[in-house]
Amino acid sequence: MPGAAGRARRFSEGHLDCAALEPIPIIGGTGALGAGLARRWAEAGAPVVLGSRSAERAEEAAAKVREAVPDADVTGLENAEAATKGGIVFLTVPFRAQSENLNNLREALQPGQILVDCTVPLAAAVSGKATRSLGVWQGSAAQQAQEMVPDGVTVISALHTVGAPTLADLDAELGEDILVCGDKKADKARVARLIELIPGLRAVNAGALEMARIVEQLTPMLISVNTRYKVHAGIRLTGLPDGDHWS
């Protein structure tokens, strides 16, 4: 497992200096995706705040991350308090819990913050198959989130195609693309920098927020593929130019 020396080496290769980062709040941090992201960011040296409806459960989840990454800067708080700890907040709850969580965060989220919506409208939310999706009146879960957040809060859509089991396994090598949707490149770039703190993940500009209606549909397709092949496959685009296309 990479320690401080490994993190310093990654910084010298062009990654952000995590010591200068504000905490990364993860709402739904006790779930599989949130916990997996927390492990990866903690391993990279980034401070993380896990949110849950219960502060006690959040701290239990944080303790598990600290056990997996002994020098991790990870704390657990109730969701509303966690959401105030950083400028870019990740929402990693199942679709059935998206509306409830966003309603509960109305007083916590502030203008200027970015909410990264990672939810997918899978039919499993209504006891259907995970390989099927639900229709969302606004077009996508991310667009629904944009309608629900307070004025001045920007929603970015991302992290729909990376497997939670692969994130949680720190010995597993990642090598996939993360499609990022949002209406302003500058906002997407800020999110991309955090995503690319995780070695093996490349953030790709997938266009405006309305493109989330297409990207979210990749999740049930990947679930179908992974079930058949018994793997945790992701997405990789070919032919993209080398270099930093976010600057």
Foldseek 3Di string as FASTA:
>chain_A
DDDPVVLVVVVVVPADDQVPAFEEEEEVCLDLQNLLLLLLLQRNVHAYEYEYCDQVSQQVSQVVSCVVVVVGNYHYGHLLVSLQRHQEYEYDDELLCLLVSLVVNQVRDDANGEYEYQYFQAPVSVPDDRLHGDQDPLLTSQSVSVVRHDPRYFYKYKDNFADSVQSNPPVHAAAAEMEIAAADLLVSLVVQSSQVSRPRYHYDDPYHPSCNSVVSNVNSVQVVVCVVVVHRDGHHDPDDDDDDPSD
